[in-house]
Amino acid sequence: MIQPNSFPDNPLDPQDFNLQTFAKPVPRIDAQNLTQRLFRQQHLVPGKPVVVTGLLDGLNWNLDFLLKHLGNLTFPVRHYGRDRYQRDKRTWETIGSGVPTYSINFARYVRMLRSGEAREKDAYLGRCSLKDTPLEDATQIHQAEARLGLRLPATAINLWVGPGGRTSALHYDPMDGTLMQLQGEKQVVLFPPSQLYNLYPFPLLNYLRYGMKRRALYSQVYPDRPDFEAFPRYREALNHCQMTVVKVGETLFIPAGWWHEVSSLGTDAVCSVNRFWNVLPLSRALTNWSKWRVHLGFVMAMPHLLGNLAGAIASTDREQAFRKIMQRM
């Protein structure tokens, strides 16, 4: 356990706090030493994260490759704004997928990345499905997933592209996830589901007032510069913190309910793909309160969703309106 004297002299001063002092490394294993049975026994069944190296050797999906194959396609992009992460999260009006999207040509977004405009505006192309694109049949990625013995995908492969230096705020997902790094590096900070209330999630009642705009699977805490006065239980969460840097060709398995904050390192473009998976074994899904908490929030947001659906039906561009609703889910 972390004792009070383990903290800097003034733990309330973010400048004196170093998260790496408390974080333990995420286990790593080379694909050559990993069997489906081992992955299932040590990570899938107990729901424990791991970095697998060597699964994607030879895969060259860098930004130039993506531009060549996706340049003429349109994807949703969100402008988060550079000042967002300087503000108290409790003042945020939208969070994560609740931030409005606008559609942009992929080639145009690449120009924004290379000119620095995307970094300046914190414009992020995230969770963009590769279904019905030239990259849908990603043979090597499918083979890598099969080597882990993963079954029952909940989504298609999703593309994530953004500028170095940006952060996806601390949150959890109700499904298992695999993050595969294509270009650049990402630092990932993780906490187990047991720390749900020590990480001060946004309240479920937000769904009644804001719908899907302020989802309760996000933490109110900045893990690298916490306010211990406002969030004193975060001290206990630090006892369970893990951290890793996911490099090109590496895969991070993030079990359902595990909190994670993802930061793109460096200044160049950072590219990843991920996929969400239905939680197996079923016993882990049924006993994961964090997962059920998300489903309960969805039910509470239903009046807002029905209103949005009615608006989409009345819209002159129904397809675009429905697409925006799905991007917020």
C-alpha atoms as a PDB file:
ATOM      1  CA  MET A   1       0.000   0.000   0.000  1.00  0.00           C
ATOM      2  CA  ILE A   2       1.113   3.569  -0.657  1.00  0.00           C
ATOM      3  CA  GLN A   3       1.818   5.308   2.614  1.00  0.00           C
ATOM      4  CA  PRO A   4       1.327   9.052   3.098  1.00  0.00           C
ATOM      5  CA  ASN A   5       5.097   9.617   3.224  1.00  0.00           C
ATOM      6  CA  SER A   6       5.415   8.010  -0.200  1.00  0.00           C
ATOM      7  CA  PHE A   7       3.964  11.146  -1.749  1.00  0.00           C
ATOM      8  CA  PRO A   8       5.929  14.326  -2.483  1.00  0.00           C
ATOM      9  CA  ASP A   9       6.022  16.998   0.210  1.00  0.00           C
ATOM     10  CA  ASN A  10       3.078  18.740  -1.423  1.00  0.00           C
ATOM     11  CA  PRO A  11       0.930  16.122  -3.206  1.00  0.00           C
ATOM     12  CA  LEU A  12      -1.701  18.723  -4.033  1.00  0.00           C
ATOM     13  CA  ASP A  13       0.740  20.509  -6.354  1.00  0.00           C
ATOM     14  CA  PRO A  14       0.564  18.792  -9.777  1.00  0.00           C
ATOM     15  CA  GLN A  15       4.134  19.891 -10.508  1.00  0.00           C
ATOM     16  CA  ASP A  16       5.399  17.684  -7.665  1.00  0.00           C
ATOM     17  CA  PHE A  17       3.455  14.600  -8.724  1.00  0.00           C
ATOM     18  CA  ASN A  18       4.921  11.909 -10.979  1.00  0.00           C
ATOM     19  CA  LEU A  19       2.523   9.118 -11.897  1.00  0.00           C
ATOM     20  CA  GLN A  20       5.364   6.877 -13.064  1.00  0.00           C
ATOM     21  CA  THR A  21       6.542   6.689  -9.454  1.00  0.00           C
ATOM     22  CA  PHE A  22       3.472   4.619  -8.591  1.00  0.00           C
ATOM     23  CA  ALA A  23       2.657   2.777 -11.832  1.00  0.00           C
ATOM     24  CA  LYS A  24       3.623  -0.855 -12.314  1.00  0.00           C
ATOM     25  CA  PRO A  25       4.481  -2.136 -15.806  1.00  0.00           C
ATOM     26  CA  VAL A  26       1.857  -3.978 -17.824  1.00  0.00           C
ATOM     27  CA  PRO A  27       3.011  -7.581 -18.454  1.00  0.00           C
ATOM     28  CA  ARG A  28       4.523  -8.190 -21.889  1.00  0.00           C
ATOM     29  CA  ILE A  29       4.900 -11.415 -23.855  1.00  0.00           C
ATOM     30  CA  ASP A  30       6.248 -12.263 -27.296  1.00  0.00           C
ATOM     31  CA  ALA A  31       3.798 -13.892 -29.681  1.00  0.00           C
ATOM     32  CA  GLN A  32       6.235 -16.776 -30.195  1.00  0.00           C
ATOM     33  CA  ASN A  33       5.802 -17.708 -26.537  1.00  0.00           C
ATOM     34  CA  LEU A  34       2.039 -17.233 -26.438  1.00  0.00           C
ATOM     35  CA  THR A  35      -0.551 -19.906 -27.173  1.00  0.00           C
ATOM     36  CA  GLN A  36      -4.309 -19.504 -27.285  1.00  0.00           C
ATOM     37  CA  ARG A  37      -4.577 -21.588 -24.132  1.00  0.00           C
ATOM     38  CA  LEU A  38      -2.030 -19.458 -22.277  1.00  0.00           C
ATOM     39  CA  PHE A  39      -3.728 -16.219 -23.348  1.00  0.00           C
ATOM     40  CA  ARG A  40      -7.083 -17.560 -22.246  1.00  0.00           C
ATOM     41  CA  GLN A  41      -5.864 -18.815 -18.866  1.00  0.00           C
ATOM     42  CA  GLN A  42      -3.704 -15.834 -17.903  1.00  0.00           C
ATOM     43  CA  HIS A  43      -5.545 -12.908 -19.492  1.00  0.00           C
ATOM     44  CA  LEU A  44      -8.938 -13.605 -21.077  1.00  0.00           C
ATOM     45  CA  VAL A  45     -10.599 -15.556 -18.252  1.00  0.00           C
ATOM     46  CA  PRO A  46      -9.282 -13.432 -15.345  1.00  0.00           C
ATOM     47  CA  GLY A  47      -9.566 -10.210 -17.374  1.00  0.00           C
ATOM     48  CA  LYS A  48      -5.976  -8.977 -17.099  1.00  0.00           C
ATOM     49  CA  PRO A  49      -4.234  -6.695 -19.613  1.00  0.00           C
ATOM     50  CA  VAL A  50      -1.121  -7.711 -21.535  1.00  0.00           C
ATOM     51  CA  VAL A  51       1.074  -6.329 -24.312  1.00  0.00           C
ATOM     52  CA  VAL A  52       1.777  -8.890 -27.043  1.00  0.00           C
ATOM     53  CA  THR A  53       4.796  -8.240 -29.244  1.00  0.00           C
ATOM     54  CA  GLY A  54       5.523  -9.784 -32.619  1.00  0.00           C
ATOM     55  CA  LEU A  55       1.906 -10.288 -33.706  1.00  0.00           C
ATOM     56  CA  LEU A  56       2.078  -7.690 -36.459  1.00  0.00           C
ATOM     57  CA  ASP A  57       5.600  -8.127 -37.813  1.00  0.00           C
ATOM     58  CA  GLY A  58       5.722  -6.980 -41.420  1.00  0.00           C
ATOM     59  CA  LEU A  59       2.483  -4.991 -41.278  1.00  0.00           C
ATOM     60  CA  ASN A  60       3.252  -1.571 -42.747  1.00  0.00           C
ATOM     61  CA  TRP A  61       0.064   0.385 -42.214  1.00  0.00           C
ATOM     62  CA  ASN A  62       1.701   3.782 -41.751  1.00  0.00           C
ATOM     63  CA  LEU A  63       0.094   7.123 -42.609  1.00  0.00           C
ATOM     64  CA  ASP A  64       1.241   7.004 -46.240  1.00  0.00           C
ATOM     65  CA  PHE A  65      -0.302   3.547 -46.645  1.00  0.00           C
ATOM     66  CA  LEU A  66      -3.565   4.707 -45.097  1.00  0.00           C
ATOM     67  CA  LEU A  67      -3.609   7.792 -47.315  1.00  0.00           C
ATOM     68  CA  LYS A  68      -3.103   5.669 -50.419  1.00  0.00           C
ATOM     69  CA  HIS A  69      -6.026   3.377 -49.619  1.00  0.00           C
ATOM     70  CA  LEU A  70      -8.411   5.717 -47.789  1.00  0.00           C
ATOM     71  CA  GLY A  71      -7.575   9.158 -49.168  1.00  0.00           C
ATOM     72  CA  ASN A  72     -10.839   9.659 -51.050  1.00  0.00           C
ATOM     73  CA  LEU A  73     -13.097   8.412 -48.245  1.00  0.00           C
ATOM     74  CA  THR A  74     -14.894  10.540 -45.684  1.00  0.00           C
ATOM     75  CA  PHE A  75     -14.592   9.970 -41.924  1.00  0.00           C
ATOM     76  CA  PRO A  76     -15.917  11.678 -38.775  1.00  0.00           C
ATOM     77  CA  VAL A  77     -13.489  13.969 -36.933  1.00  0.00           C
ATOM     78  CA  ARG A  78     -13.908  15.642 -33.548  1.00  0.00           C
ATOM     79  CA  HIS A  79     -12.410  18.992 -32.511  1.00  0.00           C
ATOM     80  CA  TYR A  80     -11.706  18.709 -28.795  1.00  0.00           C
ATOM     81  CA  GLY A  81      -9.832  22.009 -28.438  1.00  0.00           C
ATOM     82  CA  ARG A  82      -6.387  22.414 -26.896  1.00  0.00           C
ATOM     83  CA  ASP A  83      -7.717  24.110 -23.758  1.00  0.00           C
ATOM     84  CA  ARG A  84     -10.050  21.240 -22.825  1.00  0.00           C
ATOM     85  CA  TYR A  85      -7.452  19.408 -20.736  1.00  0.00           C
ATOM     86  CA  GLN A  86      -6.555  22.545 -18.828  1.00  0.00           C
ATOM     87  CA  ARG A  87     -10.075  22.796 -17.425  1.00  0.00           C
ATOM     88  CA  ASP A  88     -11.727  20.995 -14.542  1.00  0.00           C
ATOM     89  CA  LYS A  89     -13.444  17.994 -16.133  1.00  0.00           C
ATOM     90  CA  ARG A  90     -16.557  18.736 -14.118  1.00  0.00           C
ATOM     91  CA  THR A  91     -17.057  21.804 -16.342  1.00  0.00           C
ATOM     92  CA  TRP A  92     -16.990  19.786 -19.578  1.00  0.00           C
ATOM     93  CA  GLU A  93     -20.269  19.935 -21.487  1.00  0.00           C
ATOM     94  CA  THR A  94     -19.385  16.974 -23.723  1.00  0.00           C
ATOM     95  CA  ILE A  95     -17.073  13.987 -23.236  1.00  0.00           C
ATOM     96  CA  GLY A  96     -15.505  11.453 -25.594  1.00  0.00           C
ATOM     97  CA  SER A  97     -17.955  10.296 -28.235  1.00  0.00           C
ATOM     98  CA  GLY A  98     -20.378  12.930 -26.950  1.00  0.00           C
ATOM     99  CA  VAL A  99     -18.249  15.597 -28.655  1.00  0.00           C
ATOM    100  CA  PRO A 100     -19.932  16.505 -31.969  1.00  0.00           C
ATOM    101  CA  THR A 101     -18.360  15.219 -35.190  1.00  0.00           C
ATOM    102  CA  TYR A 102     -18.042  16.632 -38.647  1.00  0.00           C
ATOM    103  CA  SER A 103     -17.220  14.713 -41.797  1.00  0.00           C
ATOM    104  CA  ILE A 104     -13.934  15.252 -43.588  1.00  0.00           C
ATOM    105  CA  ASN A 105     -12.067  13.711 -46.476  1.00  0.00           C
ATOM    106  CA  PHE A 106      -9.192  11.548 -45.163  1.00  0.00           C
ATOM    107  CA  ALA A 107      -6.682  13.233 -47.485  1.00  0.00           C
ATOM    108  CA  ARG A 108      -7.751  16.617 -46.082  1.00  0.00           C
ATOM    109  CA  TYR A 109      -7.257  15.361 -42.541  1.00  0.00           C
ATOM    110  CA  VAL A 110      -3.754  14.130 -43.396  1.00  0.00           C
ATOM    111  CA  ARG A 111      -2.940  17.640 -44.620  1.00  0.00           C
ATOM    112  CA  MET A 112      -4.204  18.978 -41.285  1.00  0.00           C
ATOM    113  CA  LEU A 113      -1.885  16.567 -39.483  1.00  0.00           C
ATOM    114  CA  ARG A 114       1.156  17.500 -41.529  1.00  0.00           C
ATOM    115  CA  SER A 115       0.543  21.242 -41.314  1.00  0.00           C
ATOM    116  CA  GLY A 116       0.052  21.191 -37.541  1.00  0.00           C
ATOM    117  CA  GLU A 117      -3.584  22.299 -37.774  1.00  0.00           C
ATOM    118  CA  ALA A 118      -4.864  19.043 -36.258  1.00  0.00           C
ATOM    119  CA  ARG A 119      -2.541  19.430 -33.281  1.00  0.00           C
ATOM    120  CA  GLU A 120      -3.513  23.068 -32.797  1.00  0.00           C
ATOM    121  CA  LYS A 121      -7.238  22.243 -32.774  1.00  0.00           C
ATOM    122  CA  ASP A 122      -6.835  18.809 -31.163  1.00  0.00           C
ATOM    123  CA  ALA A 123      -8.753  17.377 -34.122  1.00  0.00           C
ATOM    124  CA  TYR A 124      -8.958  13.607 -33.818  1.00  0.00           C
ATOM    125  CA  LEU A 125     -10.138  10.901 -36.200  1.00  0.00           C
ATOM    126  CA  GLY A 126     -11.196   8.165 -33.809  1.00  0.00           C
ATOM    127  CA  ARG A 127     -13.187   4.949 -33.761  1.00  0.00           C
ATOM    128  CA  CYS A 128     -13.766   5.053 -37.517  1.00  0.00           C
ATOM    129  CA  SER A 129     -14.989   1.718 -38.828  1.00  0.00           C
ATOM    130  CA  LEU A 130     -13.033   0.210 -41.702  1.00  0.00           C
ATOM    131  CA  LYS A 131     -16.070  -1.780 -42.793  1.00  0.00           C
ATOM    132  CA  ASP A 132     -16.902  -1.198 -46.460  1.00  0.00           C
ATOM    133  CA  THR A 133     -13.460   0.304 -47.127  1.00  0.00           C
ATOM    134  CA  PRO A 134     -10.529  -1.108 -49.140  1.00  0.00           C
ATOM    135  CA  LEU A 135      -8.915  -2.114 -45.821  1.00  0.00           C
ATOM    136  CA  GLU A 136     -11.860  -4.128 -44.492  1.00  0.00           C
ATOM    137  CA  ASP A 137     -10.222  -7.435 -45.412  1.00  0.00           C
ATOM    138  CA  ALA A 138      -7.188  -6.912 -43.177  1.00  0.00           C
ATOM    139  CA  THR A 139      -5.794 -10.426 -43.429  1.00  0.00           C
ATOM    140  CA  GLN A 140      -2.777  -9.988 -41.161  1.00  0.00           C
ATOM    141  CA  ILE A 141      -4.824  -8.265 -38.471  1.00  0.00           C
ATOM    142  CA  HIS A 142      -7.440 -11.019 -38.592  1.00  0.00           C
ATOM    143  CA  GLN A 143      -4.670 -13.609 -38.317  1.00  0.00           C
ATOM    144  CA  ALA A 144      -3.210 -11.819 -35.296  1.00  0.00           C
ATOM    145  CA  GLU A 145      -6.608 -11.821 -33.592  1.00  0.00           C
ATOM    146  CA  ALA A 146      -7.014 -15.515 -34.358  1.00  0.00           C
ATOM    147  CA  ARG A 147      -3.650 -16.289 -32.759  1.00  0.00           C
ATOM    148  CA  LEU A 148      -5.026 -14.890 -29.516  1.00  0.00           C
ATOM    149  CA  GLY A 149      -8.087 -17.093 -29.813  1.00  0.00           C
ATOM    150  CA  LEU A 150     -10.457 -14.127 -29.642  1.00  0.00           C
ATOM    151  CA  ARG A 151     -14.037 -14.854 -30.690  1.00  0.00           C
ATOM    152  CA  LEU A 152     -17.304 -12.964 -31.086  1.00  0.00           C
ATOM    153  CA  PRO A 153     -16.190  -9.515 -32.278  1.00  0.00           C
ATOM    154  CA  ALA A 154     -18.582  -6.766 -31.201  1.00  0.00           C
ATOM    155  CA  THR A 155     -17.417  -4.267 -33.832  1.00  0.00           C
ATOM    156  CA  ALA A 156     -15.506  -4.043 -37.066  1.00  0.00           C
ATOM    157  CA  ILE A 157     -11.880  -2.916 -37.020  1.00  0.00           C
ATOM    158  CA  ASN A 158     -11.722   0.772 -36.080  1.00  0.00           C
ATOM    159  CA  LEU A 159      -9.124   3.300 -37.207  1.00  0.00           C
ATOM    160  CA  TRP A 160      -7.636   5.925 -34.870  1.00  0.00           C
ATOM    161  CA  VAL A 161      -5.416   8.681 -36.289  1.00  0.00           C
ATOM    162  CA  GLY A 162      -4.313  11.863 -34.566  1.00  0.00           C
ATOM    163  CA  PRO A 163      -1.462  14.226 -33.772  1.00  0.00           C
ATOM    164  CA  GLY A 164       1.232  13.380 -31.277  1.00  0.00           C
ATOM    165  CA  GLY A 165       0.757  15.040 -27.917  1.00  0.00           C
ATOM    166  CA  ARG A 166      -2.992  14.448 -27.596  1.00  0.00           C
ATOM    167  CA  THR A 167      -4.691  12.425 -24.872  1.00  0.00           C
ATOM    168  CA  SER A 168      -7.894  10.414 -24.739  1.00  0.00           C
ATOM    169  CA  ALA A 169      -9.236  11.025 -21.243  1.00  0.00           C
ATOM    170  CA  LEU A 170      -9.385   8.301 -18.591  1.00  0.00           C
ATOM    171  CA  HIS A 171     -12.370   6.014 -19.238  1.00  0.00           C
ATOM    172  CA  TYR A 172     -13.366   2.375 -19.534  1.00  0.00           C
ATOM    173  CA  ASP A 173     -15.252   0.332 -22.115  1.00  0.00           C
ATOM    174  CA  PRO A 174     -17.943  -2.300 -21.468  1.00  0.00           C
ATOM    175  CA  MET A 175     -16.284  -4.663 -23.950  1.00  0.00           C
ATOM    176  CA  ASP A 176     -12.851  -6.245 -24.260  1.00  0.00           C
ATOM    177  CA  GLY A 177     -10.545  -4.390 -26.624  1.00  0.00           C
ATOM    178  CA  THR A 178      -7.392  -4.967 -28.654  1.00  0.00           C
ATOM    179  CA  LEU A 179      -5.280  -1.924 -29.517  1.00  0.00           C
ATOM    180  CA  MET A 180      -2.794  -2.476 -32.362  1.00  0.00           C
ATOM    181  CA  GLN A 181      -0.156   0.176 -32.975  1.00  0.00           C
ATOM    182  CA  LEU A 182       0.576   1.107 -36.605  1.00  0.00           C
ATOM    183  CA  GLN A 183       2.671   4.298 -36.437  1.00  0.00           C
ATOM    184  CA  GLY A 184       4.188   6.175 -33.522  1.00  0.00           C
ATOM    185  CA  GLU A 185       3.775   5.219 -29.882  1.00  0.00           C
ATOM    186  CA  LYS A 186       1.048   5.474 -27.274  1.00  0.00           C
ATOM    187  CA  GLN A 187       1.423   5.618 -23.511  1.00  0.00           C
ATOM    188  CA  VAL A 188      -1.441   3.865 -21.753  1.00  0.00           C
ATOM    189  CA  VAL A 189      -2.257   4.263 -18.055  1.00  0.00           C
ATOM    190  CA  LEU A 190      -4.554   1.560 -16.650  1.00  0.00           C
ATOM    191  CA  PHE A 191      -6.552   0.877 -13.492  1.00  0.00           C
ATOM    192  CA  PRO A 192      -8.591  -2.295 -12.786  1.00  0.00           C
ATOM    193  CA  PRO A 193     -12.407  -2.327 -12.530  1.00  0.00           C
ATOM    194  CA  SER A 194     -12.118  -2.611  -8.744  1.00  0.00           C
ATOM    195  CA  GLN A 195     -11.096   1.058  -8.652  1.00  0.00           C
ATOM    196  CA  LEU A 196     -14.339   2.292 -10.197  1.00  0.00           C
ATOM    197  CA  TYR A 197     -15.363   4.574  -7.345  1.00  0.00           C
ATOM    198  CA  ASN A 198     -11.811   5.558  -6.415  1.00  0.00           C
ATOM    199  CA  LEU A 199     -11.580   7.112  -9.895  1.00  0.00           C
ATOM    200  CA  TYR A 200     -14.713   9.239  -9.469  1.00  0.00           C
ATOM    201  CA  PRO A 201     -16.712   8.423 -12.609  1.00  0.00           C
ATOM    202  CA  PHE A 202     -19.210  10.966 -13.826  1.00  0.00           C
ATOM    203  CA  PRO A 203     -22.588  10.173 -12.227  1.00  0.00           C
ATOM    204  CA  LEU A 204     -25.167   8.013 -13.960  1.00  0.00           C
ATOM    205  CA  LEU A 205     -27.736  10.777 -13.532  1.00  0.00           C
ATOM    206  CA  ASN A 206     -25.886  12.658 -16.275  1.00  0.00           C
ATOM    207  CA  TYR A 207     -27.630  10.390 -18.768  1.00  0.00           C
ATOM    208  CA  LEU A 208     -31.026  11.711 -17.697  1.00  0.00           C
ATOM    209  CA  ARG A 209     -29.974  15.318 -18.190  1.00  0.00           C
ATOM    210  CA  TYR A 210     -27.442  15.163 -21.023  1.00  0.00           C
ATOM    211  CA  GLY A 211     -28.141  11.894 -22.810  1.00  0.00           C
ATOM    212  CA  MET A 212     -24.962  10.476 -24.372  1.00  0.00           C
ATOM    213  CA  LYS A 213     -23.085  13.789 -24.230  1.00  0.00           C
ATOM    214  CA  ARG A 214     -21.617  13.239 -20.738  1.00  0.00           C
ATOM    215  CA  ARG A 215     -21.170   9.523 -20.349  1.00  0.00           C
ATOM    216  CA  ALA A 216     -20.558   7.992 -16.931  1.00  0.00           C
ATOM    217  CA  LEU A 217     -17.708   5.764 -18.096  1.00  0.00           C
ATOM    218  CA  TYR A 218     -15.298   8.722 -17.878  1.00  0.00           C
ATOM    219  CA  SER A 219     -13.315   9.700 -14.790  1.00  0.00           C
ATOM    220  CA  GLN A 220     -13.347  13.189 -13.314  1.00  0.00           C
ATOM    221  CA  VAL A 221      -9.687  12.774 -12.287  1.00  0.00           C
ATOM    222  CA  TYR A 222      -6.590  13.756 -14.233  1.00  0.00           C
ATOM    223  CA  PRO A 223      -4.394  10.756 -13.360  1.00  0.00           C
ATOM    224  CA  ASP A 224      -1.096  12.574 -13.983  1.00  0.00           C
ATOM    225  CA  ARG A 225      -2.029  15.764 -12.089  1.00  0.00           C
ATOM    226  CA  PRO A 226      -4.713  14.845  -9.568  1.00  0.00           C
ATOM    227  CA  ASP A 227      -6.489  17.131  -7.159  1.00  0.00           C
ATOM    228  CA  PHE A 228      -6.246  15.055  -3.978  1.00  0.00           C
ATOM    229  CA  GLU A 229      -8.396  17.534  -2.108  1.00  0.00           C
ATOM    230  CA  ALA A 230     -11.324  17.071  -4.492  1.00  0.00           C
ATOM    231  CA  PHE A 231     -10.656  13.365  -5.137  1.00  0.00           C
ATOM    232  CA  PRO A 232      -9.008  11.902  -2.002  1.00  0.00           C
ATOM    233  CA  ARG A 233      -9.809   8.257  -2.829  1.00  0.00           C
ATOM    234  CA  TYR A 234      -7.559   8.509  -5.879  1.00  0.00           C
ATOM    235  CA  ARG A 235      -4.678   7.831  -3.471  1.00  0.00           C
ATOM    236  CA  GLU A 236      -5.956   4.260  -3.112  1.00  0.00           C
ATOM    237  CA  ALA A 237      -6.356   3.857  -6.873  1.00  0.00           C
ATOM    238  CA  LEU A 238      -2.648   4.590  -7.283  1.00  0.00           C
ATOM    239  CA  ASN A 239      -1.891   1.298  -5.534  1.00  0.00           C
ATOM    240  CA  HIS A 240      -3.354  -0.481  -8.561  1.00  0.00           C
ATOM    241  CA  CYS A 241      -2.064   1.680 -11.409  1.00  0.00           C
ATOM    242  CA  GLN A 242      -0.293   0.105 -14.398  1.00  0.00           C
ATOM    243  CA  MET A 243       1.428   1.806 -17.314  1.00  0.00           C
ATOM    244  CA  THR A 244       2.957   0.827 -20.643  1.00  0.00           C
ATOM    245  CA  VAL A 245       4.099   2.295 -23.948  1.00  0.00           C
ATOM    246  CA  VAL A 246       2.640   0.498 -26.957  1.00  0.00           C
ATOM    247  CA  LYS A 247       5.081   0.599 -29.868  1.00  0.00           C
ATOM    248  CA  VAL A 248       4.672  -0.097 -33.581  1.00  0.00           C
ATOM    249  CA  GLY A 249       3.694  -3.719 -34.162  1.00  0.00           C
ATOM    250  CA  GLU A 250       2.555  -4.296 -30.574  1.00  0.00           C
ATOM    251  CA  THR A 251      -0.932  -5.214 -29.381  1.00  0.00           C
ATOM    252  CA  LEU A 252      -2.448  -4.244 -26.029  1.00  0.00           C
ATOM    253  CA  PHE A 253      -5.326  -6.324 -24.685  1.00  0.00           C
ATOM    254  CA  ILE A 254      -7.606  -4.147 -22.518  1.00  0.00           C
ATOM    255  CA  PRO A 255     -10.280  -6.190 -20.700  1.00  0.00           C
ATOM    256  CA  ALA A 256     -13.773  -4.788 -20.185  1.00  0.00           C
ATOM    257  CA  GLY A 257     -14.023  -2.403 -17.259  1.00  0.00           C
ATOM    258  CA  TRP A 258     -10.312  -1.570 -17.147  1.00  0.00           C
ATOM    259  CA  TRP A 259      -9.829   2.180 -16.990  1.00  0.00           C
ATOM    260  CA  HIS A 260      -7.348   3.550 -19.507  1.00  0.00           C
ATOM    261  CA  GLU A 261      -5.971   6.924 -20.496  1.00  0.00           C
ATOM    262  CA  VAL A 262      -4.214   6.885 -23.877  1.00  0.00           C
ATOM    263  CA  SER A 263      -1.636   9.521 -24.845  1.00  0.00           C
ATOM    264  CA  SER A 264      -0.039   9.767 -28.287  1.00  0.00           C
ATOM    265  CA  LEU A 265       3.680  10.426 -27.886  1.00  0.00           C
ATOM    266  CA  GLY A 266       5.929  12.679 -29.939  1.00  0.00           C
ATOM    267  CA  THR A 267       4.871  15.342 -32.425  1.00  0.00           C
ATOM    268  CA  ASP A 268       4.218  13.316 -35.579  1.00  0.00           C
ATOM    269  CA  ALA A 269       0.997  11.546 -36.552  1.00  0.00           C
ATOM    270  CA  VAL A 270       0.117   8.469 -34.492  1.00  0.00           C
ATOM    271  CA  CYS A 271      -2.006   5.687 -36.018  1.00  0.00           C
ATOM    272  CA  SER A 272      -3.690   2.657 -34.459  1.00  0.00           C
ATOM    273  CA  VAL A 273      -6.492   0.210 -35.063  1.00  0.00           C
ATOM    274  CA  ASN A 274      -8.640  -1.466 -32.472  1.00  0.00           C
ATOM    275  CA  ARG A 275     -11.551  -3.827 -32.219  1.00  0.00           C
ATOM    276  CA  PHE A 276     -14.038  -4.420 -29.422  1.00  0.00           C
ATOM    277  CA  TRP A 277     -15.013  -7.960 -28.428  1.00  0.00           C
ATOM    278  CA  ASN A 278     -17.954  -9.438 -26.571  1.00  0.00           C
ATOM    279  CA  VAL A 279     -16.785 -10.403 -23.104  1.00  0.00           C
ATOM    280  CA  LEU A 280     -15.898 -14.042 -22.605  1.00  0.00           C
ATOM    281  CA  PRO A 281     -16.236 -16.115 -20.549  1.00  0.00           C
ATOM    282  CA  LEU A 282     -19.834 -15.150 -19.860  1.00  0.00           C
ATOM    283  CA  SER A 283     -19.219 -15.316 -16.111  1.00  0.00           C
ATOM    284  CA  ARG A 284     -16.836 -12.345 -16.365  1.00  0.00           C
ATOM    285  CA  ALA A 285     -19.447 -10.353 -18.281  1.00  0.00           C
ATOM    286  CA  LEU A 286     -22.238 -11.130 -15.821  1.00  0.00           C
ATOM    287  CA  THR A 287     -20.198 -10.177 -12.742  1.00  0.00           C
ATOM    288  CA  ASN A 288     -18.704  -6.954 -14.149  1.00  0.00           C
ATOM    289  CA  TRP A 289     -20.661  -4.093 -12.541  1.00  0.00           C
ATOM    290  CA  SER A 290     -18.777  -1.539 -14.647  1.00  0.00           C
ATOM    291  CA  LYS A 291     -20.209  -3.167 -17.761  1.00  0.00           C
ATOM    292  CA  TRP A 292     -23.773  -3.209 -16.440  1.00  0.00           C
ATOM    293  CA  ARG A 293     -23.391   0.379 -15.324  1.00  0.00           C
ATOM    294  CA  VAL A 294     -22.906   1.411 -18.971  1.00  0.00           C
ATOM    295  CA  HIS A 295     -26.004  -0.525 -20.046  1.00  0.00           C
ATOM    296  CA  LEU A 296     -28.026   1.138 -17.288  1.00  0.00           C
ATOM    297  CA  GLY A 297     -26.822   4.529 -18.495  1.00  0.00           C
ATOM    298  CA  PHE A 298     -27.960   3.681 -22.004  1.00  0.00           C
ATOM    299  CA  VAL A 299     -31.461   2.952 -20.701  1.00  0.00           C
ATOM    300  CA  MET A 300     -31.484   6.233 -18.768  1.00  0.00           C
ATOM    301  CA  ALA A 301     -30.474   8.116 -21.932  1.00  0.00           C
ATOM    302  CA  MET A 302     -33.313   6.577 -23.956  1.00  0.00           C
ATOM    303  CA  PRO A 303     -35.579   9.680 -23.933  1.00  0.00           C
ATOM    304  CA  HIS A 304     -32.748  11.711 -25.473  1.00  0.00           C
ATOM    305  CA  LEU A 305     -31.973   8.973 -28.000  1.00  0.00           C
ATOM    306  CA  LEU A 306     -35.619   8.728 -29.062  1.00  0.00           C
ATOM    307  CA  GLY A 307     -35.694  12.481 -29.560  1.00  0.00           C
ATOM    308  CA  ASN A 308     -32.547  12.291 -31.664  1.00  0.00           C
ATOM    309  CA  LEU A 309     -34.050   9.474 -33.728  1.00  0.00           C
ATOM    310  CA  ALA A 310     -37.186  11.509 -34.357  1.00  0.00           C
ATOM    311  CA  GLY A 311     -35.031  14.400 -35.505  1.00  0.00           C
ATOM    312  CA  ALA A 312     -33.048  12.104 -37.790  1.00  0.00           C
ATOM    313  CA  ILE A 313     -36.230  10.761 -39.382  1.00  0.00           C
ATOM    314  CA  ALA A 314     -37.358  14.312 -40.100  1.00  0.00           C
ATOM    315  CA  SER A 315     -33.946  15.331 -41.428  1.00  0.00           C
ATOM    316  CA  THR A 316     -33.360  15.992 -45.117  1.00  0.00           C
ATOM    317  CA  ASP A 317     -30.187  13.898 -44.848  1.00  0.00           C
ATOM    318  CA  ARG A 318     -31.355  10.921 -42.826  1.00  0.00           C
ATOM    319  CA  GLU A 319     -28.290   8.800 -43.519  1.00  0.00           C
ATOM    320  CA  GLN A 320     -25.916  11.444 -42.167  1.00  0.00           C
ATOM    321  CA  ALA A 321     -28.172  12.115 -39.170  1.00  0.00           C
ATOM    322  CA  PHE A 322     -28.376   8.420 -38.264  1.00  0.00           C
ATOM    323  CA  ARG A 323     -24.617   8.076 -38.709  1.00  0.00           C
ATOM    324  CA  LYS A 324     -23.994  10.851 -36.179  1.00  0.00           C
ATOM    325  CA  ILE A 325     -26.282   9.139 -33.667  1.00  0.00           C
ATOM    326  CA  MET A 326     -24.373   5.871 -34.059  1.00  0.00           C
ATOM    327  CA  GLN A 327     -21.036   7.659 -33.628  1.00  0.00           C
ATOM    328  CA  ARG A 328     -22.218   8.922 -30.252  1.00  0.00           C
ATOM    329  CA  MET A 329     -23.233   5.474 -28.997  1.00  0.00           C
END
